[in-house]
Amino acid sequence: MMKRRGMLGIAIVVSGAVLCGCQADAGDTDAGSAKPDAAMPAAPDETVHCEGKPTLTTGVTSGSKALGAEGLINARLVDANPLPPTISTPSMPNPADWTVEFTDAKGEPVTDVELSAVCAYMPAHGHSGPPKKITAMDEPGRFKLDGLRFTMAGDWEVQFALTSPSISDSTAEAPNCKASGRPAAAGNELVIFRVCIPDL
């Protein structure tokens, strides 16, 4: 588990269970979802396009937002590079760096939030992997994720299992970010951003 005052590169063990539908303020880009996606893989000769899919935006007030399963913690995409994210492979490395802020239902930073687990997960193929590094930033409730990798075109989810003792004592598991043979990482809240990665 990672706390705000520390820094940790989380090994794969993270997110999937039931999420509530994301609510967005006026002008928000809603990139969250009620449930992990069940998207079917594209045919081998089909080019992946992302028209009509949620488009990620960034900003302290206008960034894409997702709401947790219990409706208690919001996640806001404050910054992302590259934007939009692209395919990242060993031969063409282009990992994504995200800054995400977590607030309560009233929009106040969750000062005691901890990231129990984080991963990029592709529902159609079952690929998942953690960011290379997670850093708690000086701003309350804000974290920097370095090295998220989307390894092929298609629909992805960036899943967070969060813990905040001041917010909730409920349990939300993150089964898609578990290591092989190990139990799912759990927290109080589960938040998912949906991301479409187009073909190069």
N, C-alpha and C. Protein backbone atom coordinates (compact mmCIF):
# COMPACT_ATOMS: atom_id res chain seq x y z
N MET A 1 0.85 -1.20 0.00
CA MET A 1 0.00 0.00 0.00
C MET A 1 0.87 1.24 0.00
N MET A 2 0.44 2.23 -0.74
CA MET A 2 1.24 3.45 -0.80
C MET A 2 0.52 4.61 -0.16
N LYS A 3 1.21 5.35 0.72
CA LYS A 3 0.64 6.51 1.38
C LYS A 3 1.14 7.78 0.73
N ARG A 4 0.48 8.91 1.02
CA ARG A 4 0.81 10.19 0.41
C ARG A 4 2.25 10.60 0.66
N ARG A 5 2.80 10.20 1.79
CA ARG A 5 4.12 10.71 2.12
C ARG A 5 5.24 9.87 1.56
N GLY A 6 4.91 8.85 0.79
CA GLY A 6 5.96 8.01 0.29
C GLY A 6 5.95 7.93 -1.21
N MET A 7 6.82 7.10 -1.73
CA MET A 7 6.95 6.90 -3.17
C MET A 7 7.07 5.41 -3.39
N LEU A 8 6.37 4.88 -4.39
CA LEU A 8 6.41 3.45 -4.58
C LEU A 8 6.12 3.08 -6.01
N GLY A 9 6.87 2.14 -6.56
CA GLY A 9 6.53 1.55 -7.84
C GLY A 9 5.75 0.29 -7.54
N ILE A 10 4.47 0.24 -7.87
CA ILE A 10 3.61 -0.87 -7.43
C ILE A 10 3.71 -2.02 -8.41
N ALA A 11 4.01 -3.23 -7.91
CA ALA A 11 4.03 -4.39 -8.77
C ALA A 11 2.62 -4.86 -9.00
N ILE A 12 2.40 -5.59 -10.10
CA ILE A 12 1.04 -5.86 -10.52
C ILE A 12 0.31 -6.71 -9.54
N VAL A 13 -0.70 -6.22 -9.00
CA VAL A 13 -1.64 -6.95 -8.17
C VAL A 13 -2.98 -6.27 -8.17
N VAL A 14 -3.77 -5.31 -9.32
CA VAL A 14 -4.90 -4.30 -9.20
C VAL A 14 -6.23 -4.44 -9.97
N SER A 15 -7.22 -3.73 -10.17
CA SER A 15 -8.61 -3.30 -10.19
C SER A 15 -9.62 -3.92 -11.14
N GLY A 16 -10.81 -4.03 -10.82
CA GLY A 16 -11.91 -4.44 -11.68
C GLY A 16 -13.21 -4.47 -11.05
N ALA A 17 -13.72 -4.92 -10.09
CA ALA A 17 -15.04 -5.04 -9.51
C ALA A 17 -16.04 -3.99 -9.94
N VAL A 18 -17.20 -3.96 -9.27
CA VAL A 18 -18.30 -3.11 -9.73
C VAL A 18 -18.05 -1.66 -9.39
N LEU A 19 -18.21 -0.80 -10.33
CA LEU A 19 -18.09 0.65 -10.18
C LEU A 19 -19.45 1.27 -10.37
N CYS A 20 -19.71 2.40 -9.77
CA CYS A 20 -20.94 3.08 -10.08
C CYS A 20 -20.73 3.94 -11.31
N GLY A 21 -21.83 4.31 -11.97
CA GLY A 21 -21.71 5.15 -13.16
C GLY A 21 -21.08 6.48 -12.79
N CYS A 22 -20.20 6.96 -13.64
CA CYS A 22 -19.48 8.19 -13.34
C CYS A 22 -20.38 9.39 -13.52
N GLN A 23 -20.29 10.31 -12.59
CA GLN A 23 -21.03 11.55 -12.68
C GLN A 23 -20.05 12.64 -13.04
N ALA A 24 -20.45 13.57 -13.88
CA ALA A 24 -19.55 14.64 -14.30
C ALA A 24 -20.21 15.98 -14.09
N ASP A 25 -19.39 16.94 -13.68
CA ASP A 25 -19.88 18.30 -13.58
C ASP A 25 -20.09 18.85 -14.98
N ALA A 26 -20.82 19.94 -15.08
CA ALA A 26 -21.02 20.58 -16.37
C ALA A 26 -19.66 20.91 -16.97
N GLY A 27 -19.46 20.47 -18.20
CA GLY A 27 -18.19 20.75 -18.87
C GLY A 27 -17.17 19.66 -18.66
N ASP A 28 -17.42 18.69 -17.74
CA ASP A 28 -16.48 17.61 -17.51
C ASP A 28 -16.51 16.63 -18.66
N THR A 29 -15.39 15.98 -18.90
CA THR A 29 -15.34 14.85 -19.80
C THR A 29 -15.40 13.59 -18.95
N ASP A 30 -16.45 12.80 -19.12
CA ASP A 30 -16.66 11.62 -18.32
C ASP A 30 -15.94 10.44 -18.94
N ALA A 31 -14.86 9.98 -18.30
CA ALA A 31 -14.10 8.86 -18.83
C ALA A 31 -14.19 7.66 -17.93
N GLY A 32 -15.11 7.68 -16.96
CA GLY A 32 -15.28 6.56 -16.05
C GLY A 32 -16.39 5.65 -16.50
N SER A 33 -16.63 4.59 -15.70
CA SER A 33 -17.65 3.62 -16.07
C SER A 33 -18.16 2.88 -14.87
N ALA A 34 -19.38 2.32 -14.99
CA ALA A 34 -19.97 1.58 -13.88
C ALA A 34 -19.32 0.23 -13.68
N LYS A 35 -18.85 -0.40 -14.76
CA LYS A 35 -18.28 -1.73 -14.65
C LYS A 35 -17.06 -1.85 -15.55
N PRO A 36 -16.15 -2.79 -15.21
CA PRO A 36 -15.06 -3.07 -16.14
C PRO A 36 -15.62 -3.42 -17.51
N ASP A 37 -14.95 -2.99 -18.55
CA ASP A 37 -15.44 -3.16 -19.90
C ASP A 37 -15.38 -4.62 -20.33
N ALA A 38 -16.32 -4.99 -21.18
CA ALA A 38 -16.34 -6.33 -21.73
C ALA A 38 -16.16 -6.27 -23.24
N ALA A 39 -15.34 -5.33 -23.70
CA ALA A 39 -15.15 -5.12 -25.13
C ALA A 39 -14.57 -6.35 -25.80
N MET A 40 -15.03 -6.63 -27.03
CA MET A 40 -14.51 -7.75 -27.79
C MET A 40 -13.28 -7.31 -28.57
N PRO A 41 -12.31 -8.21 -28.75
CA PRO A 41 -11.12 -7.83 -29.51
C PRO A 41 -11.46 -7.57 -30.96
N ALA A 42 -10.71 -6.66 -31.60
CA ALA A 42 -10.91 -6.38 -33.01
C ALA A 42 -10.39 -7.55 -33.84
N ALA A 43 -10.98 -7.72 -35.03
CA ALA A 43 -10.47 -8.74 -35.94
C ALA A 43 -9.04 -8.39 -36.33
N PRO A 44 -8.22 -9.40 -36.67
CA PRO A 44 -6.81 -9.14 -36.95
C PRO A 44 -6.58 -8.07 -38.01
N ASP A 45 -7.48 -7.98 -39.03
CA ASP A 45 -7.28 -7.02 -40.10
C ASP A 45 -8.07 -5.73 -39.88
N GLU A 46 -8.65 -5.54 -38.71
CA GLU A 46 -9.47 -4.37 -38.44
C GLU A 46 -8.65 -3.29 -37.75
N THR A 47 -8.67 -2.11 -38.31
CA THR A 47 -7.97 -0.99 -37.71
C THR A 47 -8.78 -0.43 -36.55
N VAL A 48 -8.11 -0.18 -35.44
CA VAL A 48 -8.80 0.35 -34.27
C VAL A 48 -8.90 1.86 -34.38
N HIS A 49 -10.12 2.36 -34.35
CA HIS A 49 -10.37 3.79 -34.33
C HIS A 49 -11.07 4.13 -33.02
N CYS A 50 -10.94 5.36 -32.59
CA CYS A 50 -11.50 5.75 -31.29
C CYS A 50 -12.60 6.79 -31.41
N GLU A 51 -13.12 7.01 -32.63
CA GLU A 51 -14.21 7.95 -32.79
C GLU A 51 -15.42 7.49 -31.96
N GLY A 52 -16.03 8.43 -31.27
CA GLY A 52 -17.20 8.11 -30.46
C GLY A 52 -16.88 7.57 -29.08
N LYS A 53 -15.61 7.34 -28.78
CA LYS A 53 -15.20 6.86 -27.47
C LYS A 53 -14.89 8.07 -26.58
N PRO A 54 -14.92 7.89 -25.25
CA PRO A 54 -14.56 9.00 -24.36
C PRO A 54 -13.17 9.55 -24.69
N THR A 55 -13.06 10.86 -24.73
CA THR A 55 -11.79 11.52 -25.01
C THR A 55 -11.22 12.09 -23.72
N LEU A 56 -9.99 11.75 -23.42
CA LEU A 56 -9.37 12.24 -22.20
C LEU A 56 -9.06 13.73 -22.32
N THR A 57 -9.36 14.45 -21.25
CA THR A 57 -8.95 15.85 -21.14
C THR A 57 -8.22 16.02 -19.81
N THR A 58 -7.46 17.10 -19.70
CA THR A 58 -6.72 17.34 -18.46
C THR A 58 -7.04 18.73 -17.93
N GLY A 59 -6.81 18.90 -16.63
CA GLY A 59 -7.03 20.20 -16.00
C GLY A 59 -7.53 20.03 -14.58
N VAL A 60 -7.25 21.02 -13.75
CA VAL A 60 -7.65 20.96 -12.34
C VAL A 60 -9.16 20.95 -12.21
N THR A 61 -9.87 21.67 -13.08
CA THR A 61 -11.33 21.72 -13.02
C THR A 61 -12.00 21.08 -14.22
N SER A 62 -11.27 20.92 -15.31
CA SER A 62 -11.90 20.43 -16.55
C SER A 62 -11.39 19.08 -17.00
N GLY A 63 -10.48 18.45 -16.24
CA GLY A 63 -9.95 17.16 -16.64
C GLY A 63 -10.98 16.05 -16.54
N SER A 64 -10.75 14.98 -17.28
CA SER A 64 -11.64 13.82 -17.23
C SER A 64 -11.80 13.34 -15.79
N LYS A 65 -13.02 12.92 -15.47
CA LYS A 65 -13.33 12.57 -14.09
C LYS A 65 -14.03 11.22 -14.02
N ALA A 66 -13.73 10.45 -12.99
CA ALA A 66 -14.42 9.19 -12.74
C ALA A 66 -14.79 9.14 -11.26
N LEU A 67 -15.90 8.46 -10.98
CA LEU A 67 -16.42 8.37 -9.61
C LEU A 67 -16.37 6.93 -9.13
N GLY A 68 -16.00 6.74 -7.88
CA GLY A 68 -15.84 5.40 -7.34
C GLY A 68 -17.14 4.64 -7.12
N ALA A 69 -17.00 3.34 -6.85
CA ALA A 69 -18.15 2.45 -6.69
C ALA A 69 -19.09 2.90 -5.58
N GLU A 70 -18.54 3.43 -4.50
CA GLU A 70 -19.35 3.88 -3.38
C GLU A 70 -19.83 5.32 -3.55
N GLY A 71 -19.41 5.98 -4.63
CA GLY A 71 -19.79 7.36 -4.87
C GLY A 71 -19.18 8.34 -3.89
N LEU A 72 -18.04 7.98 -3.32
CA LEU A 72 -17.45 8.79 -2.27
C LEU A 72 -16.16 9.48 -2.67
N ILE A 73 -15.46 8.94 -3.67
CA ILE A 73 -14.18 9.53 -4.09
C ILE A 73 -14.20 9.78 -5.59
N ASN A 74 -13.90 11.01 -5.99
CA ASN A 74 -13.74 11.36 -7.40
C ASN A 74 -12.27 11.29 -7.77
N ALA A 75 -12.01 10.88 -9.01
CA ALA A 75 -10.66 10.94 -9.57
C ALA A 75 -10.67 11.91 -10.74
N ARG A 76 -9.73 12.83 -10.75
CA ARG A 76 -9.64 13.84 -11.80
C ARG A 76 -8.29 13.74 -12.48
N LEU A 77 -8.28 13.68 -13.82
CA LEU A 77 -7.02 13.65 -14.57
C LEU A 77 -6.52 15.08 -14.73
N VAL A 78 -5.52 15.43 -13.93
CA VAL A 78 -4.99 16.80 -13.92
C VAL A 78 -4.01 17.02 -15.08
N ASP A 79 -3.19 16.02 -15.36
CA ASP A 79 -2.21 16.16 -16.43
C ASP A 79 -1.92 14.79 -17.01
N ALA A 80 -1.55 14.75 -18.29
CA ALA A 80 -1.19 13.49 -18.95
C ALA A 80 -0.26 13.77 -20.11
N ASN A 81 0.75 12.94 -20.25
CA ASN A 81 1.70 13.06 -21.34
C ASN A 81 2.15 11.66 -21.77
N PRO A 82 1.92 11.29 -23.04
CA PRO A 82 1.31 12.07 -24.10
C PRO A 82 -0.22 12.10 -23.97
N LEU A 83 -0.82 13.05 -24.65
CA LEU A 83 -2.28 13.16 -24.69
C LEU A 83 -2.70 13.44 -26.12
N PRO A 84 -3.47 12.55 -26.75
CA PRO A 84 -3.96 11.29 -26.18
C PRO A 84 -2.84 10.28 -26.04
N PRO A 85 -3.04 9.29 -25.17
CA PRO A 85 -2.02 8.25 -25.00
C PRO A 85 -1.91 7.40 -26.26
N THR A 86 -0.76 6.79 -26.45
CA THR A 86 -0.50 5.98 -27.64
C THR A 86 0.09 4.63 -27.23
N ILE A 87 0.22 3.76 -28.23
CA ILE A 87 0.79 2.43 -28.00
C ILE A 87 2.24 2.56 -27.53
N SER A 88 2.60 1.74 -26.54
CA SER A 88 3.97 1.72 -26.04
C SER A 88 4.46 0.28 -26.01
N THR A 89 5.49 -0.03 -26.77
CA THR A 89 6.06 -1.37 -26.82
C THR A 89 7.57 -1.27 -26.61
N PRO A 90 8.24 -2.40 -26.38
CA PRO A 90 9.69 -2.35 -26.21
C PRO A 90 10.41 -1.74 -27.41
N SER A 91 9.89 -1.98 -28.62
CA SER A 91 10.54 -1.43 -29.81
C SER A 91 10.13 0.02 -30.07
N MET A 92 8.97 0.42 -29.54
CA MET A 92 8.49 1.79 -29.69
C MET A 92 8.01 2.31 -28.33
N PRO A 93 8.92 2.53 -27.39
CA PRO A 93 8.51 2.93 -26.04
C PRO A 93 7.89 4.33 -26.03
N ASN A 94 6.69 4.41 -25.51
CA ASN A 94 6.01 5.71 -25.39
C ASN A 94 5.09 5.65 -24.18
N PRO A 95 5.64 5.40 -22.98
CA PRO A 95 4.80 5.25 -21.79
C PRO A 95 4.09 6.55 -21.44
N ALA A 96 2.97 6.41 -20.76
CA ALA A 96 2.17 7.57 -20.36
C ALA A 96 2.47 7.95 -18.92
N ASP A 97 2.55 9.24 -18.68
CA ASP A 97 2.70 9.78 -17.33
C ASP A 97 1.42 10.57 -16.99
N TRP A 98 0.78 10.21 -15.89
CA TRP A 98 -0.47 10.84 -15.49
C TRP A 98 -0.32 11.49 -14.12
N THR A 99 -1.00 12.62 -13.94
CA THR A 99 -1.20 13.21 -12.62
C THR A 99 -2.69 13.15 -12.32
N VAL A 100 -3.04 12.51 -11.20
CA VAL A 100 -4.44 12.29 -10.85
C VAL A 100 -4.70 12.85 -9.46
N GLU A 101 -5.83 13.53 -9.31
CA GLU A 101 -6.23 14.09 -8.02
C GLU A 101 -7.48 13.39 -7.52
N PHE A 102 -7.51 13.09 -6.23
CA PHE A 102 -8.66 12.41 -5.62
C PHE A 102 -9.34 13.35 -4.64
N THR A 103 -10.65 13.53 -4.83
CA THR A 103 -11.44 14.41 -3.97
C THR A 103 -12.67 13.68 -3.47
N ASP A 104 -13.26 14.22 -2.40
CA ASP A 104 -14.49 13.62 -1.90
C ASP A 104 -15.69 14.11 -2.72
N ALA A 105 -16.88 13.70 -2.31
CA ALA A 105 -18.09 14.04 -3.06
C ALA A 105 -18.35 15.54 -3.10
N LYS A 106 -17.76 16.29 -2.18
CA LYS A 106 -17.93 17.74 -2.14
C LYS A 106 -16.84 18.48 -2.91
N GLY A 107 -15.90 17.71 -3.47
CA GLY A 107 -14.82 18.32 -4.23
C GLY A 107 -13.59 18.69 -3.42
N GLU A 108 -13.57 18.30 -2.14
CA GLU A 108 -12.41 18.59 -1.29
C GLU A 108 -11.37 17.48 -1.42
N PRO A 109 -10.07 17.82 -1.44
CA PRO A 109 -9.04 16.79 -1.53
C PRO A 109 -9.14 15.77 -0.40
N VAL A 110 -8.95 14.50 -0.76
CA VAL A 110 -8.93 13.43 0.25
C VAL A 110 -7.49 13.32 0.75
N THR A 111 -7.23 13.93 1.90
CA THR A 111 -5.84 14.08 2.36
C THR A 111 -5.22 12.78 2.84
N ASP A 112 -6.04 11.79 3.21
CA ASP A 112 -5.48 10.53 3.71
C ASP A 112 -5.61 9.39 2.70
N VAL A 113 -5.90 9.71 1.43
CA VAL A 113 -6.07 8.65 0.44
C VAL A 113 -4.76 7.91 0.20
N GLU A 114 -4.86 6.60 0.04
CA GLU A 114 -3.73 5.73 -0.25
C GLU A 114 -4.05 4.92 -1.49
N LEU A 115 -3.07 4.70 -2.35
CA LEU A 115 -3.26 3.89 -3.54
C LEU A 115 -2.88 2.45 -3.22
N SER A 116 -3.90 1.62 -2.99
CA SER A 116 -3.64 0.22 -2.69
C SER A 116 -3.10 -0.51 -3.91
N ALA A 117 -3.58 -0.14 -5.09
CA ALA A 117 -3.13 -0.76 -6.33
C ALA A 117 -3.56 0.09 -7.51
N VAL A 118 -2.76 0.04 -8.58
CA VAL A 118 -3.04 0.78 -9.81
C VAL A 118 -2.55 -0.07 -10.98
N CYS A 119 -3.33 -0.08 -12.09
CA CYS A 119 -2.83 -0.75 -13.28
C CYS A 119 -3.57 -0.28 -14.51
N ALA A 120 -2.94 -0.46 -15.66
CA ALA A 120 -3.60 -0.34 -16.96
C ALA A 120 -4.03 -1.75 -17.36
N TYR A 121 -5.31 -1.91 -17.70
CA TYR A 121 -5.88 -3.24 -17.95
C TYR A 121 -6.65 -3.22 -19.27
N MET A 122 -6.41 -4.23 -20.11
CA MET A 122 -7.12 -4.35 -21.39
C MET A 122 -8.12 -5.50 -21.30
N PRO A 123 -9.43 -5.19 -21.18
CA PRO A 123 -10.43 -6.25 -20.98
C PRO A 123 -10.47 -7.30 -22.08
N ALA A 124 -10.29 -6.88 -23.34
CA ALA A 124 -10.44 -7.82 -24.44
C ALA A 124 -9.40 -8.93 -24.44
N HIS A 125 -8.22 -8.65 -23.92
CA HIS A 125 -7.13 -9.63 -23.96
C HIS A 125 -6.59 -9.99 -22.58
N GLY A 126 -7.02 -9.29 -21.54
CA GLY A 126 -6.56 -9.61 -20.19
C GLY A 126 -5.18 -9.10 -19.87
N HIS A 127 -4.62 -8.20 -20.70
CA HIS A 127 -3.31 -7.62 -20.40
C HIS A 127 -3.45 -6.61 -19.25
N SER A 128 -2.49 -6.61 -18.36
CA SER A 128 -2.49 -5.59 -17.31
C SER A 128 -1.07 -5.37 -16.82
N GLY A 129 -0.84 -4.18 -16.30
CA GLY A 129 0.48 -3.86 -15.78
C GLY A 129 0.43 -2.58 -14.97
N PRO A 130 1.28 -2.46 -13.96
CA PRO A 130 1.29 -1.27 -13.11
C PRO A 130 2.13 -0.16 -13.72
N PRO A 131 1.99 1.05 -13.23
CA PRO A 131 2.93 2.10 -13.63
C PRO A 131 4.32 1.78 -13.08
N LYS A 132 5.33 2.36 -13.70
CA LYS A 132 6.71 2.12 -13.25
C LYS A 132 6.95 2.74 -11.88
N LYS A 133 6.33 3.89 -11.65
CA LYS A 133 6.55 4.59 -10.38
C LYS A 133 5.32 5.41 -10.02
N ILE A 134 5.04 5.50 -8.72
CA ILE A 134 3.95 6.34 -8.21
C ILE A 134 4.54 7.28 -7.17
N THR A 135 4.24 8.56 -7.32
CA THR A 135 4.78 9.57 -6.42
C THR A 135 3.65 10.38 -5.81
N ALA A 136 3.62 10.48 -4.48
CA ALA A 136 2.68 11.37 -3.81
C ALA A 136 3.19 12.79 -3.95
N MET A 137 2.36 13.68 -4.47
CA MET A 137 2.79 15.05 -4.72
C MET A 137 2.50 15.93 -3.50
N ASP A 138 3.00 17.17 -3.54
CA ASP A 138 2.80 18.08 -2.42
C ASP A 138 1.34 18.46 -2.23
N GLU A 139 0.59 18.56 -3.33
CA GLU A 139 -0.81 18.90 -3.23
C GLU A 139 -1.59 17.75 -2.61
N PRO A 140 -2.45 18.02 -1.62
CA PRO A 140 -3.21 16.94 -0.98
C PRO A 140 -4.04 16.15 -1.98
N GLY A 141 -4.00 14.83 -1.86
CA GLY A 141 -4.82 13.96 -2.69
C GLY A 141 -4.34 13.80 -4.11
N ARG A 142 -3.13 14.25 -4.43
CA ARG A 142 -2.65 14.22 -5.82
C ARG A 142 -1.45 13.29 -5.95
N PHE A 143 -1.46 12.48 -7.03
CA PHE A 143 -0.40 11.51 -7.27
C PHE A 143 0.07 11.58 -8.71
N LYS A 144 1.36 11.32 -8.92
CA LYS A 144 1.96 11.24 -10.25
C LYS A 144 2.23 9.77 -10.56
N LEU A 145 1.71 9.32 -11.71
CA LEU A 145 1.97 7.97 -12.19
C LEU A 145 2.93 8.07 -13.36
N ASP A 146 4.06 7.43 -13.27
CA ASP A 146 5.04 7.42 -14.35
C ASP A 146 5.11 6.03 -14.97
N GLY A 147 5.08 5.98 -16.30
CA GLY A 147 5.33 4.72 -16.99
C GLY A 147 4.14 3.81 -17.13
N LEU A 148 2.91 4.35 -17.30
CA LEU A 148 1.78 3.51 -17.69
C LEU A 148 2.00 3.06 -19.13
N ARG A 149 1.78 1.77 -19.41
CA ARG A 149 2.01 1.27 -20.76
C ARG A 149 0.75 0.64 -21.33
N PHE A 150 0.35 1.15 -22.49
CA PHE A 150 -0.76 0.58 -23.26
C PHE A 150 -0.11 -0.13 -24.44
N THR A 151 -0.04 -1.45 -24.40
CA THR A 151 0.84 -2.21 -25.28
C THR A 151 0.25 -2.55 -26.65
N MET A 152 -1.04 -2.26 -26.85
CA MET A 152 -1.64 -2.48 -28.16
C MET A 152 -2.87 -1.59 -28.30
N ALA A 153 -3.35 -1.45 -29.56
CA ALA A 153 -4.52 -0.63 -29.80
C ALA A 153 -5.78 -1.31 -29.28
N GLY A 154 -6.72 -0.49 -28.82
CA GLY A 154 -7.99 -1.03 -28.33
C GLY A 154 -8.45 -0.30 -27.08
N ASP A 155 -9.47 -0.87 -26.43
CA ASP A 155 -10.05 -0.27 -25.22
C ASP A 155 -9.30 -0.74 -23.98
N TRP A 156 -8.91 0.23 -23.16
CA TRP A 156 -8.19 -0.03 -21.92
C TRP A 156 -8.91 0.62 -20.75
N GLU A 157 -8.56 0.18 -19.56
CA GLU A 157 -9.02 0.81 -18.32
C GLU A 157 -7.81 1.08 -17.44
N VAL A 158 -7.77 2.25 -16.84
CA VAL A 158 -6.78 2.53 -15.81
C VAL A 158 -7.53 2.45 -14.48
N GLN A 159 -7.19 1.46 -13.69
CA GLN A 159 -7.96 1.10 -12.50
C GLN A 159 -7.19 1.44 -11.23
N PHE A 160 -7.92 1.98 -10.26
CA PHE A 160 -7.34 2.37 -8.98
C PHE A 160 -8.13 1.70 -7.85
N ALA A 161 -7.43 1.00 -6.95
CA ALA A 161 -8.01 0.58 -5.69
C ALA A 161 -7.52 1.57 -4.64
N LEU A 162 -8.45 2.29 -4.00
CA LEU A 162 -8.10 3.38 -3.10
C LEU A 162 -8.51 3.06 -1.67
N THR A 163 -7.74 3.56 -0.73
CA THR A 163 -8.07 3.43 0.68
C THR A 163 -8.06 4.81 1.33
N SER A 164 -9.12 5.12 2.06
CA SER A 164 -9.20 6.37 2.80
C SER A 164 -9.99 6.11 4.08
N PRO A 165 -9.33 5.96 5.20
CA PRO A 165 -10.03 5.68 6.46
C PRO A 165 -11.06 6.74 6.83
N SER A 166 -10.83 7.98 6.43
CA SER A 166 -11.78 9.04 6.79
C SER A 166 -13.03 9.03 5.92
N ILE A 167 -12.98 8.34 4.79
CA ILE A 167 -14.10 8.34 3.85
C ILE A 167 -15.00 7.13 4.03
N SER A 168 -14.43 5.95 4.14
CA SER A 168 -15.24 4.74 4.12
C SER A 168 -14.50 3.58 4.76
N ASP A 169 -15.28 2.64 5.32
CA ASP A 169 -14.69 1.40 5.82
C ASP A 169 -15.15 0.22 4.97
N SER A 170 -15.74 0.50 3.81
CA SER A 170 -16.17 -0.56 2.91
C SER A 170 -14.95 -1.17 2.20
N THR A 171 -15.18 -2.27 1.48
CA THR A 171 -14.10 -2.94 0.77
C THR A 171 -14.43 -3.03 -0.71
N ALA A 172 -13.50 -2.62 -1.54
CA ALA A 172 -13.64 -2.72 -2.99
C ALA A 172 -12.38 -3.37 -3.53
N GLU A 173 -12.54 -4.52 -4.19
CA GLU A 173 -11.38 -5.23 -4.72
C GLU A 173 -11.02 -4.73 -6.12
N ALA A 174 -9.81 -5.04 -6.52
CA ALA A 174 -9.30 -4.68 -7.83
C ALA A 174 -8.77 -5.94 -8.51
N PRO A 175 -9.66 -6.82 -8.96
CA PRO A 175 -9.23 -8.14 -9.41
C PRO A 175 -8.44 -8.14 -10.70
N ASN A 176 -8.55 -7.13 -11.55
CA ASN A 176 -7.83 -7.16 -12.82
C ASN A 176 -6.37 -6.78 -12.68
N CYS A 177 -5.95 -6.31 -11.52
CA CYS A 177 -4.56 -5.92 -11.32
C CYS A 177 -3.86 -6.84 -10.33
N LYS A 178 -4.30 -8.06 -10.26
CA LYS A 178 -3.66 -9.01 -9.36
C LYS A 178 -2.52 -9.73 -10.07
N ALA A 179 -1.56 -10.16 -9.30
CA ALA A 179 -0.48 -10.98 -9.84
C ALA A 179 -0.98 -12.42 -9.95
N SER A 180 -0.39 -13.16 -10.84
CA SER A 180 -0.81 -14.55 -11.06
C SER A 180 -0.76 -15.34 -9.76
N GLY A 181 -1.89 -15.95 -9.41
CA GLY A 181 -1.96 -16.79 -8.22
C GLY A 181 -2.08 -16.04 -6.92
N ARG A 182 -2.14 -14.71 -6.97
CA ARG A 182 -2.24 -13.92 -5.75
C ARG A 182 -3.62 -13.28 -5.64
N PRO A 183 -4.07 -13.01 -4.42
CA PRO A 183 -5.39 -12.39 -4.28
C PRO A 183 -5.41 -10.97 -4.83
N ALA A 184 -6.63 -10.52 -5.18
CA ALA A 184 -6.78 -9.16 -5.69
C ALA A 184 -6.45 -8.15 -4.61
N ALA A 185 -5.88 -7.02 -5.04
CA ALA A 185 -5.63 -5.92 -4.12
C ALA A 185 -6.95 -5.25 -3.79
N ALA A 186 -7.13 -4.87 -2.54
CA ALA A 186 -8.40 -4.29 -2.10
C ALA A 186 -8.18 -2.95 -1.41
N GLY A 187 -9.18 -2.11 -1.49
CA GLY A 187 -9.19 -0.84 -0.78
C GLY A 187 -10.61 -0.54 -0.36
N ASN A 188 -10.90 0.72 -0.06
CA ASN A 188 -12.26 1.13 0.26
C ASN A 188 -13.06 1.47 -0.98
N GLU A 189 -12.38 1.85 -2.05
CA GLU A 189 -13.05 2.39 -3.22
C GLU A 189 -12.33 1.96 -4.49
N LEU A 190 -13.10 1.77 -5.56
CA LEU A 190 -12.56 1.39 -6.86
C LEU A 190 -12.94 2.45 -7.88
N VAL A 191 -11.97 2.97 -8.61
CA VAL A 191 -12.20 3.99 -9.63
C VAL A 191 -11.56 3.53 -10.94
N ILE A 192 -12.28 3.72 -12.06
CA ILE A 192 -11.79 3.29 -13.36
C ILE A 192 -11.92 4.41 -14.39
N PHE A 193 -10.82 4.72 -15.07
CA PHE A 193 -10.86 5.57 -16.26
C PHE A 193 -10.85 4.67 -17.49
N ARG A 194 -11.68 4.98 -18.48
CA ARG A 194 -11.66 4.25 -19.76
C ARG A 194 -10.80 5.01 -20.76
N VAL A 195 -10.00 4.27 -21.51
CA VAL A 195 -9.07 4.87 -22.47
C VAL A 195 -9.12 4.06 -23.75
N CYS A 196 -9.27 4.73 -24.89
CA CYS A 196 -9.17 4.06 -26.19
C CYS A 196 -7.83 4.43 -26.82
N ILE A 197 -7.07 3.39 -27.19
CA ILE A 197 -5.77 3.59 -27.82
C ILE A 197 -5.90 3.25 -29.31
N PRO A 198 -5.72 4.24 -30.20
CA PRO A 198 -5.86 3.98 -31.64
C PRO A 198 -4.62 3.31 -32.21
N ASP A 199 -4.79 2.74 -33.40
CA ASP A 199 -3.63 2.22 -34.12
C ASP A 199 -2.71 3.37 -34.49
N LEU A 200 -1.43 3.06 -34.60
CA LEU A 200 -0.46 4.07 -35.00
C LEU A 200 -0.65 4.44 -36.48
